[in-house]
Amino acid sequence: MDWMIESLLQGTQFQKLYNRKIETLRDSYDLCKIDIDILYFLHKSGEHNTPKDISNLNLFNKGHISQSIYRLSKQNLIQTIPDQEDRRCIHLVLTDQAVSIIERIILLRQNMYDVILQGVTPQEREMLRTVSGKVHENIRNALSDPEAILKLF
C-alpha cells in the first residue's frame, strides 16, 4: 500500500499536528489530551454522554476515562448526574465553565482542518468524506466480526 495512504489511515501525522495544536490549550487550562478529547466528545455527543459511550469509541481505556472524569469534575468542567432508571450509570454534563474551553477547542479544530484541507476542492472533500465513510464502515465491520480479523493473518 502507498505509504501516504497508510500514514493517513493510521493517523500518525494527524495526531502529531493535533498534539502540537492543543499544547497551549493544555497548558492554559492544566488539561491532559484525553481531557480535551472528552470535553469535545461531550459537546458533540448529545444523549450519548456516559463513560461507556466514551469507552465504546475505543480511543481510551476505562482507567484513563475514569481519571479524566475525576480531573474534569474536580475542575468543575463537568458534572456527573446519576441515570434516573439505572443507578449504576452516570451521565456527564458540561458546566458553564467548560463553554470557553469548548469554544477554543472548536476554533482550534477548525483551524487544523483548514490547514490540512488547504487546496482541496469541495468535490475532493466530498470524495474524501465518502471514501473515509466506507473505510470507517469496513473497519467497524471487521472489528465486530472476530472471524474476519482472524482471516487477515
N, C-alpha and C. Protein backbone atom coordinates (compact mmCIF):
# COMPACT_ATOMS: atom_id res chain seq x y z
N MET A 1 0.85 -1.19 0.00
CA MET A 1 0.00 0.00 0.00
C MET A 1 0.89 1.24 0.00
N ASP A 2 0.45 2.25 -0.65
CA ASP A 2 1.16 3.52 -0.71
C ASP A 2 1.38 4.05 0.70
N TRP A 3 2.60 4.48 1.01
CA TRP A 3 2.92 4.91 2.38
C TRP A 3 2.11 6.13 2.81
N MET A 4 1.73 6.99 1.86
CA MET A 4 0.93 8.17 2.24
C MET A 4 -0.47 7.77 2.67
N ILE A 5 -1.06 6.80 1.97
CA ILE A 5 -2.39 6.32 2.36
C ILE A 5 -2.30 5.63 3.71
N GLU A 6 -1.27 4.81 3.89
CA GLU A 6 -1.10 4.11 5.17
C GLU A 6 -0.93 5.11 6.31
N SER A 7 -0.15 6.14 6.10
CA SER A 7 0.05 7.18 7.11
C SER A 7 -1.26 7.88 7.44
N LEU A 8 -2.04 8.16 6.40
CA LEU A 8 -3.33 8.82 6.61
C LEU A 8 -4.28 7.92 7.40
N LEU A 9 -4.33 6.65 7.04
CA LEU A 9 -5.22 5.72 7.73
C LEU A 9 -4.81 5.50 9.18
N GLN A 10 -3.51 5.50 9.45
CA GLN A 10 -3.05 5.32 10.82
C GLN A 10 -3.19 6.59 11.63
N GLY A 11 -3.25 7.72 10.96
CA GLY A 11 -3.47 8.98 11.64
C GLY A 11 -2.28 9.52 12.40
N THR A 12 -1.09 9.00 12.17
CA THR A 12 0.06 9.43 12.95
C THR A 12 0.41 10.90 12.70
N GLN A 13 0.41 11.32 11.46
CA GLN A 13 0.73 12.71 11.15
C GLN A 13 -0.36 13.64 11.70
N PHE A 14 -1.61 13.21 11.56
CA PHE A 14 -2.73 13.99 12.08
C PHE A 14 -2.59 14.15 13.60
N GLN A 15 -2.26 13.07 14.29
CA GLN A 15 -2.10 13.13 15.75
C GLN A 15 -0.95 14.05 16.15
N LYS A 16 0.15 14.02 15.39
CA LYS A 16 1.27 14.92 15.68
C LYS A 16 0.82 16.37 15.59
N LEU A 17 0.14 16.71 14.51
CA LEU A 17 -0.35 18.07 14.31
C LEU A 17 -1.34 18.45 15.41
N TYR A 18 -2.28 17.57 15.69
CA TYR A 18 -3.29 17.82 16.73
C TYR A 18 -2.63 18.04 18.09
N ASN A 19 -1.65 17.21 18.43
CA ASN A 19 -0.97 17.36 19.72
C ASN A 19 -0.23 18.69 19.82
N ARG A 20 0.37 19.12 18.73
CA ARG A 20 1.04 20.43 18.74
C ARG A 20 0.04 21.57 18.89
N LYS A 21 -1.10 21.44 18.21
CA LYS A 21 -2.12 22.50 18.25
C LYS A 21 -2.73 22.63 19.64
N ILE A 22 -2.93 21.54 20.35
CA ILE A 22 -3.60 21.63 21.65
C ILE A 22 -2.65 21.91 22.80
N GLU A 23 -1.36 21.99 22.52
CA GLU A 23 -0.37 22.21 23.58
C GLU A 23 -0.66 23.46 24.41
N THR A 24 -0.93 24.57 23.76
CA THR A 24 -1.20 25.80 24.52
C THR A 24 -2.50 25.70 25.29
N LEU A 25 -3.48 25.03 24.71
CA LEU A 25 -4.75 24.82 25.39
C LEU A 25 -4.55 23.97 26.65
N ARG A 26 -3.74 22.94 26.52
CA ARG A 26 -3.45 22.08 27.67
C ARG A 26 -2.77 22.88 28.78
N ASP A 27 -1.80 23.68 28.39
CA ASP A 27 -1.07 24.49 29.38
C ASP A 27 -1.96 25.54 30.02
N SER A 28 -2.79 26.18 29.22
CA SER A 28 -3.65 27.26 29.73
C SER A 28 -4.64 26.79 30.78
N TYR A 29 -5.16 25.57 30.60
CA TYR A 29 -6.21 25.09 31.48
C TYR A 29 -5.79 23.89 32.33
N ASP A 30 -4.51 23.54 32.29
CA ASP A 30 -3.99 22.40 33.04
C ASP A 30 -4.81 21.14 32.74
N LEU A 31 -4.89 20.82 31.44
CA LEU A 31 -5.65 19.66 30.99
C LEU A 31 -4.73 18.67 30.28
N CYS A 32 -5.11 17.42 30.30
CA CYS A 32 -4.44 16.39 29.52
C CYS A 32 -5.14 16.27 28.17
N LYS A 33 -4.48 15.62 27.22
CA LYS A 33 -5.08 15.43 25.90
C LYS A 33 -6.43 14.73 26.01
N ILE A 34 -6.51 13.69 26.82
CA ILE A 34 -7.77 12.96 26.97
C ILE A 34 -8.87 13.87 27.53
N ASP A 35 -8.51 14.79 28.41
CA ASP A 35 -9.50 15.72 28.96
C ASP A 35 -10.12 16.57 27.85
N ILE A 36 -9.27 17.07 26.98
CA ILE A 36 -9.73 17.90 25.85
C ILE A 36 -10.61 17.06 24.92
N ASP A 37 -10.17 15.84 24.65
CA ASP A 37 -10.95 14.96 23.77
C ASP A 37 -12.31 14.63 24.38
N ILE A 38 -12.35 14.40 25.68
CA ILE A 38 -13.63 14.08 26.32
C ILE A 38 -14.54 15.30 26.36
N LEU A 39 -14.00 16.47 26.62
CA LEU A 39 -14.82 17.68 26.59
C LEU A 39 -15.43 17.87 25.20
N TYR A 40 -14.63 17.67 24.17
CA TYR A 40 -15.14 17.82 22.80
C TYR A 40 -16.19 16.75 22.50
N PHE A 41 -15.91 15.53 22.92
CA PHE A 41 -16.87 14.44 22.72
C PHE A 41 -18.21 14.79 23.37
N LEU A 42 -18.17 15.26 24.61
CA LEU A 42 -19.41 15.59 25.33
C LEU A 42 -20.15 16.73 24.64
N HIS A 43 -19.41 17.66 24.08
CA HIS A 43 -20.04 18.76 23.34
C HIS A 43 -20.80 18.23 22.13
N LYS A 44 -20.26 17.22 21.46
CA LYS A 44 -20.84 16.70 20.22
C LYS A 44 -21.83 15.54 20.45
N SER A 45 -21.80 14.92 21.62
CA SER A 45 -22.44 13.61 21.79
C SER A 45 -23.94 13.62 22.05
N GLY A 46 -24.50 14.73 22.51
CA GLY A 46 -25.93 14.74 22.82
C GLY A 46 -26.26 13.81 23.97
N GLU A 47 -27.20 12.90 23.75
CA GLU A 47 -27.63 11.97 24.79
C GLU A 47 -26.59 10.90 25.12
N HIS A 48 -25.68 10.68 24.23
CA HIS A 48 -24.66 9.64 24.42
C HIS A 48 -23.50 10.22 25.24
N ASN A 49 -23.76 10.41 26.53
CA ASN A 49 -22.82 11.15 27.37
C ASN A 49 -22.40 10.38 28.62
N THR A 50 -22.25 9.07 28.48
CA THR A 50 -21.82 8.26 29.62
C THR A 50 -20.37 7.83 29.42
N PRO A 51 -19.70 7.42 30.50
CA PRO A 51 -18.35 6.88 30.33
C PRO A 51 -18.31 5.70 29.36
N LYS A 52 -19.37 4.89 29.36
CA LYS A 52 -19.44 3.76 28.44
C LYS A 52 -19.48 4.24 26.98
N ASP A 53 -20.20 5.33 26.73
CA ASP A 53 -20.24 5.89 25.37
C ASP A 53 -18.85 6.31 24.92
N ILE A 54 -18.09 6.89 25.84
CA ILE A 54 -16.71 7.29 25.52
C ILE A 54 -15.86 6.05 25.28
N SER A 55 -16.02 5.06 26.13
CA SER A 55 -15.26 3.82 26.02
C SER A 55 -15.56 3.08 24.72
N ASN A 56 -16.80 3.17 24.24
CA ASN A 56 -17.19 2.49 23.00
C ASN A 56 -16.44 3.00 21.79
N LEU A 57 -15.87 4.19 21.89
CA LEU A 57 -15.07 4.71 20.77
C LEU A 57 -13.73 4.00 20.65
N ASN A 58 -13.36 3.27 21.70
CA ASN A 58 -12.09 2.54 21.75
C ASN A 58 -10.88 3.45 21.60
N LEU A 59 -11.02 4.70 22.01
CA LEU A 59 -9.89 5.62 21.95
C LEU A 59 -9.08 5.59 23.24
N PHE A 60 -9.76 5.29 24.34
CA PHE A 60 -9.11 5.32 25.64
C PHE A 60 -9.56 4.11 26.44
N ASN A 61 -8.71 3.68 27.38
CA ASN A 61 -9.15 2.59 28.24
C ASN A 61 -9.96 3.14 29.41
N LYS A 62 -10.68 2.28 30.09
CA LYS A 62 -11.61 2.70 31.14
C LYS A 62 -10.90 3.42 32.28
N GLY A 63 -9.69 3.00 32.60
CA GLY A 63 -8.94 3.66 33.68
C GLY A 63 -8.62 5.11 33.35
N HIS A 64 -8.18 5.35 32.11
CA HIS A 64 -7.88 6.72 31.70
C HIS A 64 -9.14 7.58 31.67
N ILE A 65 -10.24 6.99 31.24
CA ILE A 65 -11.51 7.72 31.21
C ILE A 65 -11.91 8.11 32.63
N SER A 66 -11.81 7.17 33.56
CA SER A 66 -12.17 7.45 34.95
C SER A 66 -11.30 8.56 35.55
N GLN A 67 -10.01 8.50 35.28
CA GLN A 67 -9.10 9.54 35.79
C GLN A 67 -9.45 10.90 35.21
N SER A 68 -9.75 10.93 33.92
CA SER A 68 -10.10 12.19 33.28
C SER A 68 -11.41 12.74 33.84
N ILE A 69 -12.40 11.89 34.03
CA ILE A 69 -13.68 12.32 34.60
C ILE A 69 -13.45 12.91 35.99
N TYR A 70 -12.59 12.29 36.76
CA TYR A 70 -12.28 12.80 38.09
C TYR A 70 -11.65 14.19 37.99
N ARG A 71 -10.65 14.35 37.10
CA ARG A 71 -9.99 15.66 36.94
C ARG A 71 -10.96 16.72 36.47
N LEU A 72 -11.76 16.38 35.47
CA LEU A 72 -12.71 17.36 34.90
C LEU A 72 -13.78 17.74 35.93
N SER A 73 -14.20 16.80 36.74
CA SER A 73 -15.17 17.10 37.81
C SER A 73 -14.54 18.01 38.85
N LYS A 74 -13.32 17.68 39.21
CA LYS A 74 -12.60 18.47 40.23
C LYS A 74 -12.39 19.91 39.76
N GLN A 75 -12.19 20.10 38.46
CA GLN A 75 -12.01 21.44 37.89
C GLN A 75 -13.35 22.11 37.58
N ASN A 76 -14.42 21.43 37.91
CA ASN A 76 -15.79 21.93 37.70
C ASN A 76 -16.08 22.20 36.21
N LEU A 77 -15.56 21.32 35.36
CA LEU A 77 -15.81 21.43 33.92
C LEU A 77 -16.93 20.49 33.48
N ILE A 78 -17.16 19.44 34.26
CA ILE A 78 -18.28 18.54 34.01
C ILE A 78 -18.97 18.22 35.33
N GLN A 79 -20.22 17.82 35.22
CA GLN A 79 -20.97 17.31 36.35
C GLN A 79 -21.34 15.87 36.05
N THR A 80 -21.36 15.04 37.08
CA THR A 80 -21.84 13.68 36.91
C THR A 80 -23.25 13.61 37.48
N ILE A 81 -24.15 13.10 36.66
CA ILE A 81 -25.55 13.03 37.04
C ILE A 81 -26.01 11.57 36.95
N PRO A 82 -26.52 11.01 38.05
CA PRO A 82 -26.98 9.61 38.01
C PRO A 82 -28.15 9.45 37.04
N ASP A 83 -28.18 8.32 36.36
CA ASP A 83 -29.28 8.00 35.47
C ASP A 83 -30.54 7.74 36.29
N GLN A 84 -31.67 8.20 35.80
CA GLN A 84 -32.94 8.04 36.52
C GLN A 84 -33.38 6.59 36.59
N GLU A 85 -33.07 5.81 35.56
CA GLU A 85 -33.56 4.44 35.50
C GLU A 85 -32.53 3.40 35.93
N ASP A 86 -31.25 3.69 35.71
CA ASP A 86 -30.19 2.74 36.04
C ASP A 86 -29.17 3.44 36.94
N ARG A 87 -29.23 3.17 38.22
CA ARG A 87 -28.38 3.88 39.18
C ARG A 87 -26.90 3.54 39.01
N ARG A 88 -26.59 2.49 38.26
CA ARG A 88 -25.19 2.15 38.01
C ARG A 88 -24.58 3.08 36.96
N CYS A 89 -25.41 3.74 36.22
CA CYS A 89 -24.99 4.57 35.09
C CYS A 89 -24.97 6.05 35.49
N ILE A 90 -23.95 6.77 35.01
CA ILE A 90 -23.92 8.22 35.21
C ILE A 90 -23.82 8.91 33.86
N HIS A 91 -24.36 10.10 33.84
CA HIS A 91 -24.27 10.95 32.64
C HIS A 91 -23.30 12.08 32.94
N LEU A 92 -22.54 12.45 31.95
CA LEU A 92 -21.55 13.51 32.07
C LEU A 92 -22.08 14.74 31.35
N VAL A 93 -22.17 15.84 32.07
CA VAL A 93 -22.75 17.06 31.52
C VAL A 93 -21.73 18.19 31.66
N LEU A 94 -21.55 18.93 30.59
CA LEU A 94 -20.64 20.08 30.62
C LEU A 94 -21.20 21.19 31.49
N THR A 95 -20.34 21.87 32.22
CA THR A 95 -20.76 23.01 33.02
C THR A 95 -20.56 24.30 32.23
N ASP A 96 -21.07 25.38 32.76
CA ASP A 96 -20.88 26.68 32.11
C ASP A 96 -19.40 27.05 32.03
N GLN A 97 -18.61 26.59 33.00
CA GLN A 97 -17.17 26.89 32.99
C GLN A 97 -16.46 26.23 31.81
N ALA A 98 -17.04 25.18 31.27
CA ALA A 98 -16.40 24.47 30.15
C ALA A 98 -16.64 25.17 28.82
N VAL A 99 -17.61 26.08 28.75
CA VAL A 99 -18.01 26.69 27.48
C VAL A 99 -16.84 27.39 26.78
N SER A 100 -16.08 28.18 27.50
CA SER A 100 -14.97 28.91 26.85
C SER A 100 -13.90 27.95 26.35
N ILE A 101 -13.68 26.86 27.07
CA ILE A 101 -12.70 25.87 26.63
C ILE A 101 -13.22 25.17 25.37
N ILE A 102 -14.49 24.81 25.36
CA ILE A 102 -15.10 24.17 24.19
C ILE A 102 -14.99 25.08 22.98
N GLU A 103 -15.25 26.37 23.16
CA GLU A 103 -15.14 27.32 22.05
C GLU A 103 -13.73 27.33 21.48
N ARG A 104 -12.74 27.28 22.36
CA ARG A 104 -11.34 27.26 21.90
C ARG A 104 -11.01 25.95 21.19
N ILE A 105 -11.55 24.84 21.71
CA ILE A 105 -11.32 23.54 21.06
C ILE A 105 -11.91 23.55 19.65
N ILE A 106 -13.12 24.07 19.52
CA ILE A 106 -13.78 24.12 18.21
C ILE A 106 -12.97 24.97 17.24
N LEU A 107 -12.53 26.15 17.69
CA LEU A 107 -11.71 27.01 16.83
C LEU A 107 -10.40 26.33 16.44
N LEU A 108 -9.77 25.70 17.39
CA LEU A 108 -8.51 25.01 17.15
C LEU A 108 -8.70 23.90 16.12
N ARG A 109 -9.74 23.11 16.27
CA ARG A 109 -10.01 22.01 15.34
C ARG A 109 -10.34 22.56 13.95
N GLN A 110 -11.12 23.63 13.89
CA GLN A 110 -11.46 24.22 12.60
C GLN A 110 -10.21 24.75 11.90
N ASN A 111 -9.34 25.40 12.68
CA ASN A 111 -8.08 25.89 12.13
C ASN A 111 -7.23 24.73 11.60
N MET A 112 -7.20 23.64 12.34
CA MET A 112 -6.42 22.48 11.93
C MET A 112 -6.98 21.90 10.63
N TYR A 113 -8.30 21.78 10.54
CA TYR A 113 -8.91 21.26 9.31
C TYR A 113 -8.66 22.20 8.13
N ASP A 114 -8.69 23.50 8.38
CA ASP A 114 -8.38 24.45 7.32
C ASP A 114 -6.96 24.24 6.80
N VAL A 115 -6.05 23.97 7.71
CA VAL A 115 -4.65 23.76 7.33
C VAL A 115 -4.50 22.47 6.53
N ILE A 116 -5.07 21.39 7.02
CA ILE A 116 -4.84 20.10 6.35
C ILE A 116 -5.66 19.95 5.07
N LEU A 117 -6.71 20.72 4.93
CA LEU A 117 -7.53 20.63 3.71
C LEU A 117 -7.29 21.79 2.75
N GLN A 118 -6.22 22.55 3.01
CA GLN A 118 -5.87 23.67 2.13
C GLN A 118 -5.61 23.14 0.72
N GLY A 119 -6.23 23.76 -0.26
CA GLY A 119 -6.04 23.36 -1.64
C GLY A 119 -6.90 22.19 -2.08
N VAL A 120 -7.70 21.65 -1.17
CA VAL A 120 -8.59 20.55 -1.51
C VAL A 120 -9.94 21.15 -1.92
N THR A 121 -10.38 20.81 -3.12
CA THR A 121 -11.62 21.39 -3.64
C THR A 121 -12.84 20.83 -2.90
N PRO A 122 -13.98 21.51 -2.98
CA PRO A 122 -15.20 20.96 -2.36
C PRO A 122 -15.55 19.56 -2.89
N GLN A 123 -15.31 19.32 -4.16
CA GLN A 123 -15.59 18.00 -4.73
C GLN A 123 -14.65 16.94 -4.13
N GLU A 124 -13.38 17.31 -3.98
CA GLU A 124 -12.41 16.39 -3.39
C GLU A 124 -12.74 16.13 -1.91
N ARG A 125 -13.22 17.16 -1.22
CA ARG A 125 -13.62 16.98 0.18
C ARG A 125 -14.79 16.01 0.29
N GLU A 126 -15.73 16.14 -0.64
CA GLU A 126 -16.88 15.23 -0.64
C GLU A 126 -16.43 13.80 -0.93
N MET A 127 -15.49 13.65 -1.86
CA MET A 127 -14.95 12.33 -2.18
C MET A 127 -14.23 11.75 -0.96
N LEU A 128 -13.45 12.59 -0.29
CA LEU A 128 -12.75 12.15 0.93
C LEU A 128 -13.75 11.70 1.98
N ARG A 129 -14.83 12.46 2.14
CA ARG A 129 -15.88 12.11 3.10
C ARG A 129 -16.50 10.76 2.75
N THR A 130 -16.77 10.54 1.48
CA THR A 130 -17.37 9.28 1.02
C THR A 130 -16.43 8.10 1.25
N VAL A 131 -15.18 8.27 0.82
CA VAL A 131 -14.20 7.19 0.96
C VAL A 131 -13.92 6.90 2.43
N SER A 132 -13.74 7.93 3.24
CA SER A 132 -13.46 7.69 4.66
C SER A 132 -14.65 7.05 5.35
N GLY A 133 -15.86 7.37 4.92
CA GLY A 133 -17.05 6.70 5.47
C GLY A 133 -17.04 5.22 5.17
N LYS A 134 -16.66 4.86 3.95
CA LYS A 134 -16.58 3.45 3.57
C LYS A 134 -15.48 2.73 4.35
N VAL A 135 -14.33 3.38 4.48
CA VAL A 135 -13.22 2.78 5.23
C VAL A 135 -13.63 2.59 6.69
N HIS A 136 -14.27 3.60 7.26
CA HIS A 136 -14.73 3.51 8.65
C HIS A 136 -15.70 2.34 8.82
N GLU A 137 -16.62 2.19 7.90
CA GLU A 137 -17.60 1.10 7.96
C GLU A 137 -16.91 -0.26 7.84
N ASN A 138 -15.92 -0.36 6.96
CA ASN A 138 -15.17 -1.61 6.80
C ASN A 138 -14.43 -1.98 8.09
N ILE A 139 -13.83 -0.99 8.72
CA ILE A 139 -13.11 -1.23 9.97
C ILE A 139 -14.09 -1.65 11.06
N ARG A 140 -15.21 -0.95 11.16
CA ARG A 140 -16.23 -1.27 12.16
C ARG A 140 -16.74 -2.70 11.97
N ASN A 141 -17.00 -3.08 10.73
CA ASN A 141 -17.47 -4.44 10.44
C ASN A 141 -16.42 -5.48 10.80
N ALA A 142 -15.16 -5.19 10.47
CA ALA A 142 -14.09 -6.14 10.78
C ALA A 142 -13.92 -6.30 12.29
N LEU A 143 -14.05 -5.21 13.03
CA LEU A 143 -13.92 -5.29 14.48
C LEU A 143 -15.08 -6.04 15.13
N SER A 144 -16.23 -5.98 14.53
CA SER A 144 -17.39 -6.65 15.11
C SER A 144 -17.45 -8.13 14.71
N ASP A 145 -16.58 -8.56 13.80
CA ASP A 145 -16.57 -9.95 13.36
C ASP A 145 -15.19 -10.55 13.63
N PRO A 146 -15.04 -11.25 14.77
CA PRO A 146 -13.73 -11.84 15.11
C PRO A 146 -13.20 -12.79 14.05
N GLU A 147 -14.09 -13.47 13.33
CA GLU A 147 -13.67 -14.39 12.26
C GLU A 147 -12.96 -13.61 11.15
N ALA A 148 -13.48 -12.44 10.83
CA ALA A 148 -12.86 -11.63 9.76
C ALA A 148 -11.46 -11.20 10.15
N ILE A 149 -11.27 -10.87 11.42
CA ILE A 149 -9.94 -10.46 11.88
C ILE A 149 -8.95 -11.61 11.75
N LEU A 150 -9.40 -12.82 12.13
CA LEU A 150 -8.52 -13.99 12.04
C LEU A 150 -8.14 -14.30 10.60
N LYS A 151 -9.02 -14.01 9.66
CA LYS A 151 -8.76 -14.28 8.25
C LYS A 151 -7.64 -13.40 7.70
N LEU A 152 -7.36 -12.28 8.39
CA LEU A 152 -6.32 -11.37 7.93
C LEU A 152 -4.93 -11.98 8.10
N PHE A 153 -4.82 -12.95 9.00
CA PHE A 153 -3.48 -13.49 9.30
C PHE A 153 -3.31 -14.84 8.72
